[in-house]
Protein backbone atom coordinates (compact mmCIF):
# COMPACT_ATOMS: atom_id res chain seq x y z
CA MET A 1 -0.15 0.11 -0.16
CA GLU A 2 3.30 2.47 0.83
CA ASN A 3 4.63 2.02 -2.53
CA SER A 4 1.30 2.58 -4.01
CA ARG A 5 1.18 6.17 -3.07
CA PRO A 6 2.56 8.44 -5.54
CA SER A 7 5.69 10.09 -4.95
CA SER A 8 5.58 13.79 -3.55
CA PRO A 9 7.18 16.24 -5.89
CA GLU A 10 10.98 17.42 -5.50
CA ALA A 11 11.47 20.63 -3.40
CA PRO A 12 12.40 23.68 -5.86
CA PRO A 13 15.90 25.17 -5.66
CA GLN A 14 16.24 27.70 -2.90
CA ASP A 15 17.35 30.06 -5.24
CA LEU A 16 14.57 29.92 -7.76
CA TRP A 17 13.51 32.73 -7.32
CA SER A 18 16.36 34.72 -7.54
CA SER A 19 17.60 32.97 -10.86
CA ILE A 20 13.82 34.22 -12.17
CA LEU A 21 14.71 37.76 -11.13
CA ASP A 22 18.00 38.29 -12.27
CA SER A 23 16.79 36.75 -15.89
CA VAL A 24 13.99 39.53 -15.53
CA SER A 25 16.12 41.88 -15.24
CA THR A 26 19.15 41.06 -17.31
CA SER A 27 16.66 41.33 -20.23
CA ARG A 28 15.33 44.49 -19.27
CA SER A 29 18.06 46.31 -17.75
CA THR A 30 19.66 49.48 -19.63
CA PRO A 31 22.72 48.98 -21.79
CA ALA A 32 25.66 50.56 -20.22
CA LYS A 33 28.39 52.25 -22.63
CA GLN A 34 31.29 54.21 -21.94
CA VAL A 35 33.45 57.03 -24.11
CA ILE A 36 36.59 57.32 -22.65
CA VAL A 37 37.68 61.13 -24.14
CA LEU A 38 42.31 61.49 -24.59
CA GLY A 39 43.76 64.70 -25.26
CA GLU A 40 46.34 67.23 -24.10
CA PRO A 41 45.14 70.34 -21.57
CA SER A 42 43.13 72.83 -22.85
CA SER A 43 41.88 70.70 -26.09
CA GLY A 44 38.38 70.73 -25.53
CA LYS A 45 37.78 67.94 -23.94
CA SER A 46 35.31 69.04 -21.47
CA THR A 47 33.04 70.68 -24.43
CA LEU A 48 32.97 67.40 -26.09
CA ALA A 49 32.07 65.60 -23.03
CA ALA A 50 29.31 68.24 -22.09
CA ALA A 51 27.97 67.52 -25.50
CA LEU A 52 27.71 63.66 -25.27
CA LEU A 53 25.94 63.92 -21.97
CA GLN A 54 23.74 66.95 -23.47
CA LYS A 55 24.37 68.85 -20.15
CA PRO A 56 25.87 72.75 -20.06
CA VAL A 57 28.98 73.64 -20.79
CA PRO A 58 31.31 74.61 -17.76
CA GLU A 59 32.36 78.09 -17.25
CA GLU A 60 35.67 79.18 -18.96
CA THR A 61 37.95 80.01 -16.28
CA LYS A 62 41.24 81.31 -16.78
CA GLU A 63 44.24 78.75 -16.96
CA GLU A 64 45.86 79.19 -13.40
CA GLN A 65 42.49 78.87 -11.96
CA ARG A 66 41.25 75.72 -13.47
CA THR A 67 41.31 72.51 -11.80
CA ASP A 68 41.91 69.01 -13.65
CA PHE A 69 41.20 65.23 -11.76
CA ALA A 70 43.47 62.87 -12.06
CA LEU A 71 40.52 61.18 -14.08
CA GLY A 72 37.49 62.94 -15.09
CA TYR A 73 34.29 61.04 -14.61
CA ASP A 74 30.16 61.91 -15.55
CA TRP A 75 27.71 59.71 -16.77
CA ALA A 76 23.76 60.44 -17.97
CA ASP A 77 20.80 58.15 -19.54
CA VAL A 78 20.41 58.24 -23.09
CA ARG A 79 16.84 58.46 -24.07
CA ASP A 80 14.68 58.11 -26.97
CA ASP A 81 13.46 61.22 -29.39
CA ALA A 82 9.98 61.08 -27.24
CA ASP A 83 11.91 61.30 -24.44
CA GLU A 84 9.90 58.27 -22.84
CA ASP A 85 12.14 55.29 -22.42
CA THR A 86 15.96 54.93 -21.34
CA LEU A 87 17.77 53.37 -24.22
CA ALA A 88 21.39 53.42 -22.62
CA ARG A 89 23.12 54.51 -19.86
CA LEU A 90 26.50 56.60 -20.99
CA SER A 91 29.57 57.12 -19.22
CA VAL A 92 32.52 59.64 -19.95
CA TYR A 93 36.10 59.00 -18.60
CA THR A 94 38.07 62.27 -19.44
CA VAL A 95 42.31 61.78 -19.13
CA PRO A 96 43.73 65.35 -18.36
CA SER A 97 47.13 64.64 -20.03
CA SER A 98 49.62 62.34 -22.13
CA ALA A 99 51.23 61.82 -18.72
CA PRO A 100 51.67 58.38 -17.73
CA ALA A 101 50.68 59.11 -13.82
CA TYR A 102 47.05 59.79 -15.78
CA SER A 103 46.53 57.40 -18.16
CA SER A 104 47.86 54.27 -16.40
CA LEU A 105 44.89 55.04 -14.25
CA LEU A 106 42.47 54.11 -16.66
CA PRO A 107 43.16 50.31 -17.00
CA TYR A 108 41.44 50.40 -13.07
CA TYR A 109 38.23 51.72 -13.85
CA VAL A 110 37.79 50.63 -17.23
CA PRO A 111 39.49 46.93 -17.93
CA PRO A 112 39.27 46.42 -21.74
CA ARG A 113 38.19 42.44 -20.29
CA SER A 114 34.75 43.35 -19.50
CA SER A 115 34.21 47.09 -21.22
CA LEU A 116 35.95 46.32 -24.42
CA PRO A 117 32.90 45.84 -26.67
CA HIS A 118 30.73 48.39 -25.25
CA THR A 119 33.68 51.24 -25.20
CA LEU A 120 34.26 54.05 -27.78
CA ILE A 121 37.79 55.86 -27.76
CA MET A 122 38.02 59.65 -28.62
CA VAL A 123 41.44 61.39 -29.51
CA VAL A 124 41.56 65.04 -28.88
CA LEU A 125 43.40 67.16 -31.56
CA ASP A 126 43.64 71.19 -30.79
CA TRP A 127 43.32 72.81 -34.46
CA THR A 128 45.59 76.06 -32.42
CA ARG A 129 48.76 73.98 -32.42
CA PRO A 130 48.17 71.69 -35.76
CA TRP A 131 52.03 70.86 -36.05
CA SER A 132 51.51 68.42 -32.94
CA PHE A 133 48.74 66.38 -34.30
CA ILE A 134 51.15 63.53 -35.56
CA GLN A 135 53.18 63.23 -32.38
CA GLU A 136 50.05 63.38 -30.40
CA LEU A 137 48.22 60.64 -32.32
CA GLU A 138 51.35 57.91 -32.26
CA THR A 139 51.22 58.73 -28.34
CA TRP A 140 47.83 58.11 -28.12
CA LEU A 141 47.17 55.14 -30.27
CA GLN A 142 50.14 53.30 -28.68
CA TRP A 143 48.44 53.58 -25.63
CA ILE A 144 45.31 52.15 -27.11
CA GLU A 145 47.35 49.10 -28.26
CA GLN A 146 48.81 48.76 -24.72
CA TRP A 147 45.94 49.20 -22.65
CA VAL A 148 44.06 46.43 -24.91
CA LYS A 149 46.55 43.89 -23.75
CA GLY A 150 45.26 43.76 -20.69
CA ASP A 151 45.90 40.39 -18.37
CA GLY A 152 46.26 38.29 -21.33
CA SER A 153 43.26 36.30 -20.08
CA ARG A 154 41.04 33.97 -22.35
CA GLU A 155 38.39 35.53 -22.04
CA LEU A 156 39.88 38.85 -22.99
CA ASP A 157 41.53 37.17 -26.45
CA ILE A 158 37.69 36.01 -27.18
CA ALA A 159 36.47 39.42 -26.51
CA LYS A 160 39.11 41.40 -28.88
CA GLU A 161 38.29 38.41 -31.57
CA GLU A 162 34.69 39.16 -31.57
CA ASN A 163 35.45 42.74 -31.59
CA ARG A 164 37.42 42.61 -34.84
CA GLU A 165 35.15 40.74 -36.31
CA ARG A 166 32.52 43.03 -35.71
CA ILE A 167 34.35 46.21 -37.15
CA GLN A 168 35.66 44.51 -40.17
CA ALA A 169 32.15 43.51 -40.85
CA HIS A 170 30.67 46.80 -40.62
CA TRP A 171 33.31 48.18 -43.07
CA GLN A 172 32.61 45.53 -45.31
CA HIS A 173 29.06 46.13 -45.19
CA TYR A 174 28.77 50.00 -44.85
CA ALA A 175 26.38 51.82 -47.26
CA GLU A 176 26.43 55.61 -47.85
CA PRO A 177 23.29 56.98 -45.81
CA SER A 178 20.67 58.16 -48.60
CA ALA A 179 17.23 59.67 -47.94
CA GLU A 180 15.50 56.80 -49.50
CA PRO A 181 15.85 53.38 -47.47
CA LEU A 182 17.24 50.49 -49.84
CA PRO A 183 15.19 47.58 -50.22
CA PRO A 184 16.45 44.64 -48.62
CA THR A 185 16.71 42.84 -52.36
CA SER A 186 19.45 45.53 -52.86
CA VAL A 187 22.04 44.32 -50.06
CA SER A 188 24.77 41.92 -51.48
CA GLY A 189 25.67 38.94 -49.57
CA THR A 190 28.91 39.16 -50.99
CA LEU A 191 31.74 40.39 -48.89
CA LEU A 192 34.48 42.68 -50.79
CA PRO A 193 37.70 42.73 -49.18
CA LEU A 194 39.48 45.50 -47.34
CA GLY A 195 41.24 48.01 -49.32
CA PRO A 196 44.99 48.90 -49.09
CA GLY A 197 45.84 50.30 -46.22
CA THR A 198 42.56 49.56 -44.16
CA LEU A 199 42.41 48.18 -40.73
CA THR A 200 45.98 47.44 -40.68
CA HIS A 201 46.46 48.06 -36.99
CA ASN A 202 43.88 47.95 -34.70
CA SER A 203 43.65 44.29 -33.96
CA ALA A 204 41.53 44.58 -31.27
CA GLY A 205 39.07 46.22 -33.10
CA VAL A 206 38.28 49.43 -30.98
CA SER A 207 35.75 51.66 -31.72
CA ILE A 208 37.98 55.35 -32.26
CA VAL A 209 37.16 58.71 -33.16
CA VAL A 210 39.66 61.50 -33.84
CA VAL A 211 38.27 64.64 -33.35
CA CYS A 212 39.53 67.83 -33.94
CA THR A 213 38.10 70.28 -32.11
CA LYS A 214 38.06 74.56 -32.53
CA ALA A 215 37.97 73.98 -36.01
CA ASP A 216 36.35 77.55 -36.47
CA LEU A 217 40.05 78.88 -35.60
CA ILE A 218 41.92 77.29 -38.81
CA ASP A 219 41.62 80.58 -40.77
CA GLU A 220 41.88 82.80 -38.02
CA GLY A 221 44.26 85.16 -37.08
CA ASN A 222 47.57 86.29 -39.31
CA ASP A 223 50.19 83.79 -37.56
CA ILE A 224 52.88 83.63 -40.05
CA ILE A 225 53.94 79.93 -40.56
CA GLY A 226 57.95 79.74 -41.07
CA THR A 227 59.40 77.89 -43.88
CA GLY A 228 60.13 74.44 -42.46
CA THR A 229 62.38 71.75 -44.03
CA SER A 230 60.80 71.54 -47.12
CA GLY A 231 61.45 74.99 -48.76
CA MET A 232 58.00 76.32 -49.45
CA GLY A 233 58.64 79.37 -48.12
CA GLY A 234 56.79 81.74 -45.49
CA MET A 235 53.00 82.25 -45.92
CA VAL A 236 50.44 83.80 -43.83
CA LYS A 237 47.79 81.96 -42.15
CA GLY A 238 44.54 83.00 -43.94
CA ASN A 239 41.95 82.58 -46.23
CA GLY A 240 42.40 81.11 -49.41
CA GLY A 241 46.21 80.35 -50.78
CA GLU A 242 48.76 78.25 -49.53
CA TRP A 243 47.24 77.88 -46.05
CA GLU A 244 44.39 76.27 -47.37
CA GLU A 245 46.70 73.62 -49.64
CA ARG A 246 48.46 73.16 -46.70
CA THR A 247 45.39 72.34 -44.44
CA ASP A 248 44.00 70.08 -47.10
CA SER A 249 47.14 68.10 -46.78
CA ILE A 250 46.95 67.95 -43.04
CA MET A 251 43.56 66.47 -43.55
CA GLN A 252 44.99 63.90 -45.85
CA VAL A 253 47.40 63.02 -43.63
CA LEU A 254 44.95 62.15 -40.90
CA ARG A 255 42.56 60.33 -42.87
CA THR A 256 45.31 57.91 -44.10
CA ILE A 257 46.14 57.33 -40.21
CA CYS A 258 42.62 56.77 -39.27
CA LEU A 259 41.95 54.17 -42.50
CA LYS A 260 44.82 52.39 -40.80
CA TYR A 261 43.04 51.61 -37.27
CA GLY A 262 39.32 52.04 -38.69
CA ALA A 263 38.70 54.87 -37.24
CA GLY A 264 36.36 58.27 -37.97
CA LEU A 265 37.89 61.47 -38.48
CA PHE A 266 35.35 64.62 -37.44
CA TYR A 267 35.97 68.19 -37.15
CA THR A 268 34.00 70.37 -34.25
CA THR A 269 33.14 74.14 -33.59
CA PRO A 270 31.36 75.82 -30.15
CA GLN A 271 28.47 75.43 -32.53
CA PRO A 272 25.75 72.85 -31.39
CA THR A 273 25.23 71.42 -34.73
CA THR A 274 28.91 69.80 -35.33
CA LEU A 275 28.51 68.57 -31.72
CA GLN A 276 25.37 66.93 -31.89
CA VAL A 277 26.48 65.25 -34.93
CA LEU A 278 29.51 64.26 -33.46
CA ARG A 279 26.90 62.61 -30.46
CA GLN A 280 24.84 60.58 -32.72
CA TYR A 281 27.49 59.01 -34.53
CA VAL A 282 29.28 57.80 -31.20
CA LEU A 283 25.77 56.65 -30.31
CA HIS A 284 25.84 55.10 -33.33
CA THR A 285 28.89 53.27 -33.22
CA LEU A 286 28.64 51.64 -29.63
CA PHE A 287 25.46 50.04 -30.70
CA ILE A 288 26.80 48.83 -33.94
CA PRO A 289 25.07 44.88 -33.67
CA PRO A 290 27.95 41.82 -34.00
CA ALA A 291 29.13 40.60 -37.13
CA SER A 292 26.63 37.43 -36.83
CA SER A 293 23.85 40.04 -37.15
CA LEU A 294 25.40 41.84 -39.84
CA ALA A 295 25.70 38.86 -41.83
CA ALA A 296 22.03 38.04 -41.47
CA ALA A 297 21.33 41.07 -42.52
CA ALA A 298 22.77 40.75 -46.03
CA THR A 299 21.12 37.45 -46.20
CA ALA A 300 17.35 37.01 -46.80
CA GLU A 301 17.34 37.07 -42.81
CA VAL A 302 17.21 40.77 -42.55
CA ALA A 303 13.61 40.66 -41.14
CA SER A 304 15.30 38.92 -37.85
CA ALA A 305 18.48 41.20 -37.91
CA PRO A 306 18.72 43.37 -35.02
CA ARG A 307 18.44 47.15 -35.73
CA ASN A 308 20.48 49.97 -34.36
CA PRO A 309 18.67 51.89 -32.47
CA PHE A 310 20.97 55.07 -33.32
CA PRO A 311 21.08 55.16 -36.81
CA PHE A 312 23.49 57.84 -38.17
CA GLN A 313 21.80 59.45 -41.45
CA HIS A 314 24.44 62.18 -41.93
CA LYS A 315 26.40 62.11 -45.33
CA PRO A 316 30.08 62.50 -45.12
CA ASN A 317 31.20 65.46 -45.70
CA THR A 318 35.10 66.48 -46.89
CA LEU A 319 34.82 70.00 -48.26
CA ASP A 320 33.81 72.06 -45.77
CA ARG A 321 36.71 72.30 -43.68
CA ASP A 322 35.44 73.49 -40.07
CA LYS A 323 32.87 70.57 -40.47
CA ILE A 324 34.14 67.50 -41.75
CA VAL A 325 32.36 63.99 -41.16
CA ILE A 326 34.25 61.05 -41.77
CA PRO A 327 32.21 58.34 -40.52
CA ALA A 328 34.37 55.08 -40.25
CA GLY A 329 33.92 52.65 -43.47
CA TRP A 330 33.40 55.42 -46.07
CA ASP A 331 37.15 56.09 -46.49
CA SER A 332 39.33 54.63 -48.97
CA TRP A 333 43.15 55.85 -50.56
CA GLY A 334 41.17 56.72 -53.73
CA LYS A 335 39.24 59.21 -51.61
CA ILE A 336 42.16 60.62 -50.02
CA THR A 337 43.97 61.28 -53.38
CA VAL A 338 41.30 63.13 -54.70
CA LEU A 339 40.95 65.90 -52.29
CA ARG A 340 44.35 67.26 -53.41
CA ASP A 341 46.77 66.31 -56.34
CA GLY A 342 50.24 65.11 -55.39
CA PHE A 343 49.33 63.41 -52.08
CA ASP A 344 50.97 60.04 -51.81
CA ALA A 345 48.84 58.13 -49.43
CA LYS A 346 51.58 54.89 -49.21
CA LEU A 347 54.37 56.98 -48.54
CA TRP A 348 52.88 58.77 -45.55
CA GLY A 349 51.61 54.97 -44.34
CA GLU A 350 55.42 53.55 -44.61
CA ALA A 351 56.08 56.58 -42.66
CA TRP A 352 53.94 55.66 -39.97
CA GLU A 353 55.51 52.57 -39.76
CA ASN A 354 58.78 53.48 -39.58
CA ASP A 355 57.51 55.87 -36.71
CA LEU A 356 56.23 52.82 -34.60
CA ASP A 357 59.00 50.22 -35.75
CA HIS A 358 61.42 52.78 -33.34
CA SER A 359 64.33 51.71 -36.08
CA ASP A 360 67.80 53.61 -37.00
CA GLU A 361 67.01 56.95 -37.68
CA ASN A 362 70.04 57.36 -39.78
CA ASP A 363 68.67 54.40 -42.03
CA GLY A 364 67.22 56.88 -44.72
CA ALA A 365 63.67 55.76 -43.94
CA ALA A 366 60.80 58.58 -44.14
CA ARG A 367 59.24 59.43 -41.14
CA ALA A 368 55.92 60.47 -40.43
CA GLN A 369 56.89 63.22 -38.08
CA ASN A 370 60.05 64.34 -40.01
CA LEU A 371 57.40 64.88 -43.10
CA TYR A 372 54.84 66.37 -40.96
CA ALA A 373 57.30 69.03 -39.60
CA SER A 374 58.14 69.43 -43.20
CA LEU A 375 54.43 70.15 -43.44
CA VAL A 376 53.83 72.52 -40.85
CA PRO A 377 56.55 73.87 -39.01
CA ASP A 378 56.74 73.72 -35.44
CA LEU A 379 55.52 77.41 -33.61
CA SER A 380 55.08 76.48 -30.12
CA ARG A 381 56.92 78.88 -27.74
CA LYS A 382 59.63 76.88 -25.94
CA PRO A 383 60.02 77.31 -22.64
CA PRO A 384 63.67 79.18 -22.26
CA PRO A 385 66.47 76.69 -21.13
CA LEU A 386 67.22 76.67 -17.30
CA PRO A 387 70.94 77.93 -16.21
CA PRO A 388 73.85 75.90 -16.03
CA LEU A 389 73.95 74.22 -12.64
CA ASN A 390 76.29 76.37 -10.52
CA ASN A 391 79.06 74.48 -8.90
CA PRO A 392 81.09 76.45 -6.26
CA THR A 393 84.51 76.14 -5.47
CA PRO A 394 85.33 75.00 -1.74
CA GLU A 395 86.60 77.94 0.10
CA GLN A 396 89.94 76.48 1.43
CA VAL A 397 90.80 75.67 -2.27
CA PHE A 398 89.99 79.25 -3.29
CA LEU A 399 91.84 81.03 -0.79
CA ALA A 400 94.87 78.19 -1.47
CA LYS A 401 94.31 79.54 -5.14
CA ASN A 402 94.99 83.16 -4.39
CA TYR A 403 97.19 83.29 -1.67
CA ASP A 404 100.52 83.71 -3.36
CA GLU A 405 99.12 86.55 -5.37
CA ASN A 406 97.77 88.47 -2.23
CA ALA A 407 101.03 87.77 -0.32
CA LYS A 408 102.85 89.77 -3.13
CA LYS A 409 100.67 92.89 -2.93
CA PRO A 410 100.56 94.92 0.16
CA ASP A 411 97.59 97.01 -0.93
CA ARG A 412 95.55 93.70 -0.43
CA ASP A 413 96.41 93.76 3.37
CA PRO A 414 93.06 94.48 5.51
CA ARG A 415 94.63 96.31 7.93
CA GLY A 416 95.56 98.99 5.32
CA ALA A 417 92.15 100.61 6.29
CA PHE A 418 93.43 101.22 10.34
CA ARG A 419 97.48 101.96 9.58
CA ASN A 420 98.56 105.48 9.46
CA PRO A 421 99.08 107.20 6.35
CA ASN A 422 102.29 108.44 7.38
CA GLU A 423 103.85 105.31 8.39
CA THR A 424 105.07 102.39 5.81
CA ALA A 425 103.43 99.20 5.15
CA SER A 426 105.26 96.21 5.90
CA ALA A 427 105.57 94.06 2.63
CA GLY A 428 105.50 90.21 2.09
CA ILE A 429 103.43 89.47 5.08
CA VAL A 430 99.37 88.65 5.63
CA GLY A 431 98.45 87.92 8.81
CA PRO A 432 97.91 89.36 12.19
CA MET A 433 101.58 89.09 13.10
CA GLY A 434 102.53 90.93 10.32
CA SER A 435 103.44 94.26 12.56
CA SER A 436 106.96 95.40 12.88
CA SER A 437 106.72 95.85 16.46
CA PHE A 438 106.06 92.58 17.47
CA ASN A 439 108.72 90.91 15.77
CA LEU A 440 111.57 89.57 18.49
CA PRO A 441 114.51 91.78 17.33
CA ASN A 442 112.60 94.98 18.26
CA VAL A 443 112.04 93.68 21.62
CA GLU A 444 115.33 92.53 22.00
CA ARG A 445 116.88 95.18 20.87
CA ALA A 446 114.78 97.75 23.51
CA LEU A 447 115.68 95.15 26.21
CA THR A 448 119.40 95.47 25.54
CA GLU A 449 119.42 99.31 25.52
CA MET A 450 117.93 99.51 29.20
CA GLU A 451 120.35 97.37 30.48
CA SER A 452 123.18 98.93 28.99
CA VAL A 453 121.87 102.68 30.24
CA ALA A 454 121.05 100.79 33.55
CA ALA A 455 124.75 99.31 33.98
CA ALA A 456 126.55 102.75 32.98
CA ALA A 457 124.52 104.43 36.30
CA GLY A 458 125.29 101.32 38.31
CA VAL A 459 121.04 100.87 39.09
CA ASN A 460 119.46 98.05 38.60
CA PRO A 461 116.69 98.61 35.80
CA LEU A 462 113.78 96.39 37.39
CA SER A 463 114.39 98.67 40.73
CA MET A 464 114.64 102.17 39.58
CA SER A 465 111.20 103.33 40.01
CA THR A 466 111.57 102.71 43.94
CA ALA A 467 114.65 104.01 44.78
CA ARG A 468 113.47 107.24 45.95
CA ASP A 469 111.00 105.46 48.31
CA PRO A 470 112.28 102.70 50.94
CA ARG A 471 109.39 102.26 52.01
CA ALA A 472 108.21 100.55 48.84
CA LEU A 473 110.09 97.59 49.93
CA SER A 474 108.26 97.23 53.44
CA GLY A 475 105.41 95.32 54.02
CA ARG A 476 102.99 94.30 56.54
CA GLY A 477 105.25 90.83 56.84
CA GLY A 478 108.42 92.83 56.52
CA VAL A 479 108.52 91.37 52.61
CA ARG A 480 106.41 92.91 50.21
CA PRO A 481 107.03 92.80 45.98
CA THR A 482 108.67 95.54 44.50
CA ASN A 483 106.73 97.36 42.16
CA ALA A 484 109.44 97.12 39.76
CA GLY A 485 107.01 97.01 36.56
CA LEU A 486 105.69 100.71 36.45
CA SER A 487 109.12 101.77 34.60
CA ILE A 488 108.11 102.70 31.01
CA PRO A 489 110.03 100.74 28.36
CA THR A 490 111.79 101.82 25.74
CA GLY A 491 111.66 101.79 22.08
CA GLY A 492 108.07 101.09 20.27
CA ALA A 493 107.01 98.09 22.31
CA SER A 494 104.75 99.73 24.06
CA LEU A 495 103.52 102.29 21.56
CA ALA A 496 103.83 100.88 18.61
CA LEU A 497 101.53 98.11 19.07
CA GLY A 498 100.33 96.52 15.98
CA ARG A 499 101.65 99.17 13.66
CA SER A 500 104.29 98.36 11.34
CA ALA A 501 108.07 98.72 11.23
CA ALA A 502 108.13 102.61 11.15
CA PRO A 503 110.23 105.27 13.31
CA SER A 504 108.73 105.14 16.71
CA PRO A 505 108.34 108.01 18.85
CA ALA A 506 111.15 109.22 21.21
CA PRO A 507 111.21 106.63 24.61
CA LEU A 508 109.93 107.81 27.28
CA SER A 509 112.05 105.91 29.83
CA ALA A 510 114.36 107.88 32.28
CA THR A 511 117.01 106.20 30.97
CA THR A 512 117.51 107.43 27.52
CA PRO A 513 116.48 110.90 27.52
CA ASN A 514 116.59 112.64 24.55
CA SER A 515 115.91 116.03 25.47
CA ALA A 516 115.18 118.33 28.51
CA ASP A 517 111.07 118.02 27.55
CA ASP A 518 111.54 114.35 27.44
CA GLN A 519 113.24 114.39 30.80
CA SER A 520 110.67 116.73 32.54
CA GLN A 521 107.56 114.59 31.33
CA HIS A 522 109.15 111.39 32.56
CA GLN A 523 109.80 113.15 35.88
CA ALA A 524 106.63 114.30 36.28
CA LEU A 525 105.09 110.91 35.54
CA LYS A 526 107.58 108.97 37.90
CA ALA A 527 106.39 111.47 40.52
CA PHE A 528 102.88 110.39 39.75
CA PHE A 529 102.96 106.78 40.14
CA ASP A 530 105.46 107.45 43.38
CA ASN A 531 102.96 109.54 44.56
CA LEU A 532 100.08 106.41 44.21
CA ILE A 533 102.43 104.25 45.95
CA ASN A 534 103.27 106.27 48.98
CA LYS A 535 99.66 106.93 49.54
CA ARG A 536 99.14 102.89 49.11
CA ASN A 537 101.81 102.22 51.53
CA THR A 538 100.49 104.80 54.25
CA ARG A 539 97.35 103.34 54.07
CA ALA A 540 98.59 99.94 54.60
CA ASP A 541 101.04 100.91 57.65
CA ASP A 542 98.17 102.97 59.30
CA LYS A 543 95.52 99.91 59.36
CA SER A 544 98.22 97.75 60.66
CA SER A 545 99.22 99.59 63.80
CA ALA A 546 95.79 100.16 64.33
CA LYS A 547 95.01 96.33 64.54
CA GLY A 548 98.24 96.10 66.70
CA LEU A 549 96.80 98.88 69.29
CA ASP A 550 93.27 97.20 69.56
CA GLY A 551 94.71 93.63 69.90
CA GLU A 552 97.12 95.33 72.86
CA ASN A 553 93.81 97.25 74.41
CA GLY A 554 92.00 93.89 73.88
CA ALA A 555 94.69 91.96 76.46
CA ASP A 556 95.04 94.20 78.93
CA GLU A 557 91.15 93.89 79.67
CA GLY A 558 91.50 90.36 79.83
CA SER A 559 94.46 90.54 82.33
């Protein structure tokens, strides 16, 4: 009986509702697309980002007051014409310059492994600096090649192959827009091969658009363009003439390079019309269907092929120099050479390859940068070079180098400012001991004169000043040092300190009088000093006698 009962159904999985909700949200989710804007400072990137997101243009500020972020970011929802449904969410990343410190941040926020099929890269060039076009293009296109390498995973390789097939199919199925839609029977299922110089690079199939901003300033001003290396002579930048031919040649060079990478080329101005055309093309390129859908559209399965929600109906324009529109898939070498005779697209393609190979510049091969420099000379203002580094000579080396020279020049002695101008300067010695009054021979001669005079008089030269007062030799204890040092020495030993060897004034010693006036002066000075000594000794004797009397009186009282 128990076996005849029907078995109960199995319990549903716990994540059943989660999987259902995820599938519904995935089917109804808003597709996310992103645009990476690459360009040098002040090239118009903020204006393009505002136009893509349909936001007001930021107010222009002074160059020194403007603040650039290391990586700018903004986003907006893309809605349909009736403004009812949200068709996509567009994010715009802005890199302020080509410095590695800025460009190295992008792979962390826009990894190619997950974002490659949904990303468009916009390279911005500034028409106020046309001489930098080739150099900036090389910098940014090489960065793109480095960015798509990613982590080298298998998933990234698959995404790169699918992206390459998609952009190649778009080129092969490209049809120029027309006012009347083409019937399905007119679409041929036969794929034509790509033309020469087309999609030779960009192996990952990245959607690229080269935008030349400020095209309204192409013919403004009267700047004189130099002769360059081509010897074409100087010319005035303005309407018509040789400048117009040169700007057409610049456009031919840009178209040749864009053709190699499968990129579009647009000229923009601050006018909303050119910016709106660029926005339509960016959205159209971001929503190009996969290669399988394009192949199905070329066969009988046209009705089942997905439709691009953002069709681009603007025709290519190569004549209006400030409104150039060249979508990817339309251009070729034949259309490029038609614009201006004498342009060799193959030569420029090979020169571009030589620049990318980084081979020896002395091999004689043509270089794109060299050819472009002859076409458009560099008129940028170079910063002045820095002054050479000043390595000062060490102080001791400098002094040793100039010591001999200074020692031979008496006028270089710094003590000359303090020397008596009536005296002659000593020569040959630089230093504090240069004065002749400190030389040992002079001192010895002065002492010899004093001893000779004292010996002739039979008096000790050291006791001549105290000979008149015997009390000067007596002290409290019967022994008191003599004040023989009060005699004035002879020669220039006392009065010529710090002076050079010059005739010194007459000595003031009593032993060597030279005249009656000197003798009287010497006696007056000696009497003055003897009087001071006598007074000092008298006071000392009075104090000692007073203490003796006090001691005797105290003894008598004690007895």
